[in-house]
Amino acid sequence: MRTLFRAALAAAILLTVYLFGTGFSAYSSPAVGDQGKAPEFTGIDHWLNSPPLTMQSLRGKVVLVDFWTYSCINCINTLPYVKQWHEKYKDQGLVVVGVHTPEFPYEKSTANVQEAIRRLDIRYPVAQDNAYGTWSAFHNRYWPATYLIDADGRIVYQHYGEGRYAETEAAIQKLLAQRKSRPEEPKSK
């Protein structure tokens, strides 16, 4: 009986280590455009590095929404890629928005989030989503989670967890190319 208990305990520990190591889920969905429009940023406590943004104001841009929290190791591991995409593509029409949704109570402190942004050298807008408003609007369940929104405001790609960086960058490039080939909208007078 003890051997069976020890085996079950070992299996549970291995499963826990695996789940935390992979960010609970690490998969991509290349096309979720059928879901329609990306939801607005909702219930944001503070905007850091930026004045408040809306999906409507970002129409015509490619938007990468990155759900993260500063003490999540999987989120920290994805940050170099997210920061690189921001720097590489910001002048081509990509807007990166980090949505900081806390997992633990101490992550709700704006001062702690600001310190993490400074320490991690994050230069793109960060929305502090303490009440999980935007998290819920996106029906998100994971840290980290990446959503790509096309120039028409539709979610067209999502990825949960670490990895698939080349796939995600290829999706960014494709959306930027599509945006570039769009006909100019007439300017209102």
C-alpha atoms as a PDB file:
ATOM      1  CA  MET A   1       0.000   0.000   0.000  1.00  0.00           C
ATOM      2  CA  ARG A   2       2.846   2.402   0.813  1.00  0.00           C
ATOM      3  CA  THR A   3       4.527   1.644  -2.496  1.00  0.00           C
ATOM      4  CA  LEU A   4       1.324   2.480  -4.369  1.00  0.00           C
ATOM      5  CA  PHE A   5       0.953   5.727  -2.400  1.00  0.00           C
ATOM      6  CA  ARG A   6       4.581   6.709  -3.114  1.00  0.00           C
ATOM      7  CA  ALA A   7       4.150   5.951  -6.821  1.00  0.00           C
ATOM      8  CA  ALA A   8       0.977   8.057  -6.960  1.00  0.00           C
ATOM      9  CA  LEU A   9       2.697  10.890  -5.092  1.00  0.00           C
ATOM     10  CA  ALA A  10       5.702  10.753  -7.437  1.00  0.00           C
ATOM     11  CA  ALA A  11       3.392  10.823 -10.470  1.00  0.00           C
ATOM     12  CA  ALA A  12       1.530  13.822  -9.050  1.00  0.00           C
ATOM     13  CA  ILE A  13       4.810  15.667  -8.433  1.00  0.00           C
ATOM     14  CA  LEU A  14       6.042  14.932 -11.956  1.00  0.00           C
ATOM     15  CA  LEU A  15       2.746  16.123 -13.444  1.00  0.00           C
ATOM     16  CA  THR A  16       2.920  19.333 -11.398  1.00  0.00           C
ATOM     17  CA  VAL A  17       6.507  19.998 -12.483  1.00  0.00           C
ATOM     18  CA  TYR A  18       5.555  19.356 -16.106  1.00  0.00           C
ATOM     19  CA  LEU A  19       2.503  21.632 -15.986  1.00  0.00           C
ATOM     20  CA  PHE A  20       4.388  24.494 -14.356  1.00  0.00           C
ATOM     21  CA  GLY A  21       7.301  24.020 -16.748  1.00  0.00           C
ATOM     22  CA  THR A  22       5.100  24.251 -19.825  1.00  0.00           C
ATOM     23  CA  GLY A  23       2.900  27.069 -18.577  1.00  0.00           C
ATOM     24  CA  PHE A  24      -0.041  24.645 -18.215  1.00  0.00           C
ATOM     25  CA  SER A  25      -0.746  24.738 -21.904  1.00  0.00           C
ATOM     26  CA  ALA A  26       1.468  25.458 -24.831  1.00  0.00           C
ATOM     27  CA  TYR A  27      -0.414  25.344 -28.062  1.00  0.00           C
ATOM     28  CA  SER A  28      -1.283  27.630 -30.892  1.00  0.00           C
ATOM     29  CA  SER A  29      -4.322  28.237 -32.941  1.00  0.00           C
ATOM     30  CA  PRO A  30      -3.410  29.766 -36.272  1.00  0.00           C
ATOM     31  CA  ALA A  31      -6.856  31.086 -37.135  1.00  0.00           C
ATOM     32  CA  VAL A  32      -9.558  32.136 -34.756  1.00  0.00           C
ATOM     33  CA  GLY A  33     -10.930  34.878 -36.973  1.00  0.00           C
ATOM     34  CA  ASP A  34     -14.358  33.269 -36.876  1.00  0.00           C
ATOM     35  CA  GLN A  35     -14.655  34.491 -33.303  1.00  0.00           C
ATOM     36  CA  GLY A  36     -15.056  37.970 -34.717  1.00  0.00           C
ATOM     37  CA  LYS A  37     -13.884  41.217 -33.259  1.00  0.00           C
ATOM     38  CA  ALA A  38     -11.276  41.361 -30.535  1.00  0.00           C
ATOM     39  CA  PRO A  39     -12.815  42.596 -27.294  1.00  0.00           C
ATOM     40  CA  GLU A  40     -12.017  46.040 -25.940  1.00  0.00           C
ATOM     41  CA  PHE A  41      -9.595  46.519 -23.074  1.00  0.00           C
ATOM     42  CA  THR A  42     -11.973  46.354 -20.111  1.00  0.00           C
ATOM     43  CA  GLY A  43     -11.587  47.146 -16.419  1.00  0.00           C
ATOM     44  CA  ILE A  44      -8.026  48.410 -16.712  1.00  0.00           C
ATOM     45  CA  ASP A  45      -6.763  49.896 -13.422  1.00  0.00           C
ATOM     46  CA  HIS A  46      -3.805  51.780 -14.923  1.00  0.00           C
ATOM     47  CA  TRP A  47      -2.083  52.199 -18.261  1.00  0.00           C
ATOM     48  CA  LEU A  48       1.685  52.165 -17.917  1.00  0.00           C
ATOM     49  CA  ASN A  49       4.093  53.380 -20.623  1.00  0.00           C
ATOM     50  CA  SER A  50       1.128  54.766 -22.562  1.00  0.00           C
ATOM     51  CA  PRO A  51      -2.072  56.756 -22.380  1.00  0.00           C
ATOM     52  CA  PRO A  52      -5.188  54.534 -22.420  1.00  0.00           C
ATOM     53  CA  LEU A  53      -5.643  52.544 -25.619  1.00  0.00           C
ATOM     54  CA  THR A  54      -8.727  51.042 -27.202  1.00  0.00           C
ATOM     55  CA  MET A  55      -9.092  48.383 -29.841  1.00  0.00           C
ATOM     56  CA  GLN A  56     -11.046  50.934 -31.862  1.00  0.00           C
ATOM     57  CA  SER A  57      -8.119  53.394 -31.752  1.00  0.00           C
ATOM     58  CA  LEU A  58      -5.764  50.601 -32.867  1.00  0.00           C
ATOM     59  CA  ARG A  59      -7.875  49.688 -35.909  1.00  0.00           C
ATOM     60  CA  GLY A  60      -5.646  49.545 -38.978  1.00  0.00           C
ATOM     61  CA  LYS A  61      -2.696  48.271 -36.912  1.00  0.00           C
ATOM     62  CA  VAL A  62      -1.633  44.711 -36.142  1.00  0.00           C
ATOM     63  CA  VAL A  63      -1.945  44.238 -32.380  1.00  0.00           C
ATOM     64  CA  LEU A  64      -0.155  41.664 -30.248  1.00  0.00           C
ATOM     65  CA  VAL A  65      -1.825  41.283 -26.845  1.00  0.00           C
ATOM     66  CA  ASP A  66       0.430  39.534 -24.338  1.00  0.00           C
ATOM     67  CA  PHE A  67      -1.202  38.368 -21.092  1.00  0.00           C
ATOM     68  CA  TRP A  68       1.533  38.113 -18.476  1.00  0.00           C
ATOM     69  CA  THR A  69       2.416  38.643 -14.862  1.00  0.00           C
ATOM     70  CA  TYR A  70       5.826  39.660 -13.578  1.00  0.00           C
ATOM     71  CA  SER A  71       6.501  36.716 -11.267  1.00  0.00           C
ATOM     72  CA  CYS A  72       5.517  33.985 -13.757  1.00  0.00           C
ATOM     73  CA  ILE A  73       8.702  32.296 -14.995  1.00  0.00           C
ATOM     74  CA  ASN A  74       7.030  31.239 -18.236  1.00  0.00           C
ATOM     75  CA  CYS A  75       6.043  34.867 -18.856  1.00  0.00           C
ATOM     76  CA  ILE A  76       9.591  36.038 -18.113  1.00  0.00           C
ATOM     77  CA  ASN A  77      10.914  33.453 -20.579  1.00  0.00           C
ATOM     78  CA  THR A  78       8.696  34.813 -23.385  1.00  0.00           C
ATOM     79  CA  LEU A  79       9.496  38.488 -22.749  1.00  0.00           C
ATOM     80  CA  PRO A  80      12.716  38.632 -24.824  1.00  0.00           C
ATOM     81  CA  TYR A  81      10.720  37.560 -27.884  1.00  0.00           C
ATOM     82  CA  VAL A  82       7.825  39.936 -27.245  1.00  0.00           C
ATOM     83  CA  LYS A  83      10.234  42.833 -26.674  1.00  0.00           C
ATOM     84  CA  GLN A  84      12.156  41.924 -29.832  1.00  0.00           C
ATOM     85  CA  TRP A  85       8.959  41.857 -31.931  1.00  0.00           C
ATOM     86  CA  HIS A  86       7.986  45.245 -30.527  1.00  0.00           C
ATOM     87  CA  GLU A  87      11.337  46.779 -31.469  1.00  0.00           C
ATOM     88  CA  LYS A  88      11.565  45.060 -34.852  1.00  0.00           C
ATOM     89  CA  TYR A  89       8.029  45.721 -36.111  1.00  0.00           C
ATOM     90  CA  LYS A  90       6.720  48.819 -34.301  1.00  0.00           C
ATOM     91  CA  ASP A  91       7.534  51.058 -37.267  1.00  0.00           C
ATOM     92  CA  GLN A  92       5.760  48.652 -39.644  1.00  0.00           C
ATOM     93  CA  GLY A  93       2.404  48.800 -37.873  1.00  0.00           C
ATOM     94  CA  LEU A  94       2.701  46.349 -34.964  1.00  0.00           C
ATOM     95  CA  VAL A  95       1.459  47.512 -31.572  1.00  0.00           C
ATOM     96  CA  VAL A  96       2.344  45.312 -28.609  1.00  0.00           C
ATOM     97  CA  VAL A  97       0.139  45.642 -25.531  1.00  0.00           C
ATOM     98  CA  GLY A  98       1.097  43.780 -22.397  1.00  0.00           C
ATOM     99  CA  VAL A  99      -1.901  42.979 -20.219  1.00  0.00           C
ATOM    100  CA  HIS A 100      -0.585  42.435 -16.712  1.00  0.00           C
ATOM    101  CA  THR A 101      -3.133  40.231 -14.948  1.00  0.00           C
ATOM    102  CA  PRO A 102      -1.975  39.231 -11.453  1.00  0.00           C
ATOM    103  CA  GLU A 103      -1.844  35.656 -10.269  1.00  0.00           C
ATOM    104  CA  PHE A 104      -0.997  36.576  -6.659  1.00  0.00           C
ATOM    105  CA  PRO A 105      -2.167  39.473  -4.456  1.00  0.00           C
ATOM    106  CA  TYR A 106       1.256  41.200  -4.334  1.00  0.00           C
ATOM    107  CA  GLU A 107       1.203  41.447  -8.140  1.00  0.00           C
ATOM    108  CA  LYS A 108      -1.741  43.877  -7.898  1.00  0.00           C
ATOM    109  CA  SER A 109       0.519  46.657  -6.619  1.00  0.00           C
ATOM    110  CA  THR A 110       1.045  49.276  -9.309  1.00  0.00           C
ATOM    111  CA  ALA A 111       4.427  50.138  -7.779  1.00  0.00           C
ATOM    112  CA  ASN A 112       5.503  46.485  -8.095  1.00  0.00           C
ATOM    113  CA  VAL A 113       4.349  46.339 -11.723  1.00  0.00           C
ATOM    114  CA  GLN A 114       6.136  49.615 -12.511  1.00  0.00           C
ATOM    115  CA  GLU A 115       9.334  48.280 -10.905  1.00  0.00           C
ATOM    116  CA  ALA A 116       9.061  45.072 -12.947  1.00  0.00           C
ATOM    117  CA  ILE A 117       8.524  47.058 -16.165  1.00  0.00           C
ATOM    118  CA  ARG A 118      11.638  49.121 -15.374  1.00  0.00           C
ATOM    119  CA  ARG A 119      13.734  46.090 -14.363  1.00  0.00           C
ATOM    120  CA  LEU A 120      12.640  44.057 -17.395  1.00  0.00           C
ATOM    121  CA  ASP A 121      13.053  47.074 -19.726  1.00  0.00           C
ATOM    122  CA  ILE A 122       9.548  46.839 -21.180  1.00  0.00           C
ATOM    123  CA  ARG A 123       8.947  49.817 -23.472  1.00  0.00           C
ATOM    124  CA  TYR A 124       5.528  49.016 -24.937  1.00  0.00           C
ATOM    125  CA  PRO A 125       2.157  49.839 -23.327  1.00  0.00           C
ATOM    126  CA  VAL A 126       1.117  47.748 -20.328  1.00  0.00           C
ATOM    127  CA  ALA A 127      -2.477  47.597 -19.100  1.00  0.00           C
ATOM    128  CA  GLN A 128      -2.839  46.659 -15.440  1.00  0.00           C
ATOM    129  CA  ASP A 129      -5.824  44.274 -15.342  1.00  0.00           C
ATOM    130  CA  ASN A 130      -6.213  43.604 -11.601  1.00  0.00           C
ATOM    131  CA  ALA A 131      -9.936  42.784 -11.801  1.00  0.00           C
ATOM    132  CA  TYR A 132      -9.461  40.361 -14.751  1.00  0.00           C
ATOM    133  CA  GLY A 133     -11.767  42.456 -16.942  1.00  0.00           C
ATOM    134  CA  THR A 134      -9.747  42.152 -20.144  1.00  0.00           C
ATOM    135  CA  TRP A 135      -8.666  38.615 -19.222  1.00  0.00           C
ATOM    136  CA  SER A 136     -12.345  37.641 -19.022  1.00  0.00           C
ATOM    137  CA  ALA A 137     -13.301  39.566 -22.166  1.00  0.00           C
ATOM    138  CA  PHE A 138     -10.718  37.493 -24.087  1.00  0.00           C
ATOM    139  CA  HIS A 139     -11.875  34.283 -22.323  1.00  0.00           C
ATOM    140  CA  ASN A 140      -8.227  33.803 -21.423  1.00  0.00           C
ATOM    141  CA  ARG A 141      -7.101  31.109 -18.996  1.00  0.00           C
ATOM    142  CA  TYR A 142      -3.296  31.031 -19.204  1.00  0.00           C
ATOM    143  CA  TRP A 143      -0.087  32.909 -18.461  1.00  0.00           C
ATOM    144  CA  PRO A 144       1.507  33.695 -20.815  1.00  0.00           C
ATOM    145  CA  ALA A 145      -0.976  34.009 -23.649  1.00  0.00           C
ATOM    146  CA  THR A 146      -0.430  35.751 -26.964  1.00  0.00           C
ATOM    147  CA  TYR A 147      -3.225  36.999 -29.221  1.00  0.00           C
ATOM    148  CA  LEU A 148      -2.665  38.540 -32.649  1.00  0.00           C
ATOM    149  CA  ILE A 149      -5.320  40.902 -33.940  1.00  0.00           C
ATOM    150  CA  ASP A 150      -5.431  41.875 -37.596  1.00  0.00           C
ATOM    151  CA  ALA A 151      -5.897  45.376 -38.993  1.00  0.00           C
ATOM    152  CA  ASP A 152      -9.665  44.805 -39.100  1.00  0.00           C
ATOM    153  CA  GLY A 153      -9.735  44.136 -35.346  1.00  0.00           C
ATOM    154  CA  ARG A 154     -10.224  40.353 -35.441  1.00  0.00           C
ATOM    155  CA  ILE A 155      -8.328  37.786 -33.378  1.00  0.00           C
ATOM    156  CA  VAL A 156      -6.588  35.647 -35.990  1.00  0.00           C
ATOM    157  CA  TYR A 157      -3.933  33.823 -33.954  1.00  0.00           C
ATOM    158  CA  GLN A 158      -3.428  32.763 -30.371  1.00  0.00           C
ATOM    159  CA  HIS A 159      -0.739  30.873 -28.506  1.00  0.00           C
ATOM    160  CA  TYR A 160      -0.593  29.757 -24.881  1.00  0.00           C
ATOM    161  CA  GLY A 161       2.614  29.092 -22.993  1.00  0.00           C
ATOM    162  CA  GLU A 162       6.202  29.244 -24.143  1.00  0.00           C
ATOM    163  CA  GLY A 163       7.581  28.293 -27.540  1.00  0.00           C
ATOM    164  CA  ARG A 164       6.391  28.559 -31.133  1.00  0.00           C
ATOM    165  CA  TYR A 165       8.333  31.803 -31.464  1.00  0.00           C
ATOM    166  CA  ALA A 166       9.133  31.351 -35.167  1.00  0.00           C
ATOM    167  CA  GLU A 167       5.486  30.475 -35.859  1.00  0.00           C
ATOM    168  CA  THR A 168       4.282  33.552 -33.988  1.00  0.00           C
ATOM    169  CA  GLU A 169       6.760  35.823 -35.767  1.00  0.00           C
ATOM    170  CA  ALA A 170       5.710  34.392 -39.132  1.00  0.00           C
ATOM    171  CA  ALA A 171       2.088  35.202 -38.241  1.00  0.00           C
ATOM    172  CA  ILE A 172       3.112  38.780 -37.334  1.00  0.00           C
ATOM    173  CA  GLN A 173       4.937  39.154 -40.658  1.00  0.00           C
ATOM    174  CA  LYS A 174       1.954  37.785 -42.595  1.00  0.00           C
ATOM    175  CA  LEU A 175      -0.467  40.180 -40.891  1.00  0.00           C
ATOM    176  CA  LEU A 176       1.852  43.137 -41.482  1.00  0.00           C
ATOM    177  CA  ALA A 177       2.137  42.204 -45.181  1.00  0.00           C
ATOM    178  CA  GLN A 178      -1.660  41.959 -45.439  1.00  0.00           C
ATOM    179  CA  ARG A 179      -1.995  45.321 -43.739  1.00  0.00           C
ATOM    180  CA  LYS A 180       0.457  46.877 -46.163  1.00  0.00           C
ATOM    181  CA  SER A 181      -1.454  45.579 -49.184  1.00  0.00           C
ATOM    182  CA  ARG A 182      -4.806  46.941 -47.975  1.00  0.00           C
ATOM    183  CA  PRO A 183      -6.321  49.732 -50.034  1.00  0.00           C
ATOM    184  CA  GLU A 184      -6.139  53.140 -48.432  1.00  0.00           C
ATOM    185  CA  GLU A 185      -9.313  54.157 -46.628  1.00  0.00           C
ATOM    186  CA  PRO A 186     -10.741  57.480 -47.740  1.00  0.00           C
ATOM    187  CA  LYS A 187      -9.996  60.265 -45.300  1.00  0.00           C
ATOM    188  CA  SER A 188     -12.993  62.042 -43.853  1.00  0.00           C
ATOM    189  CA  LYS A 189     -13.161  65.800 -44.394  1.00  0.00           C
END
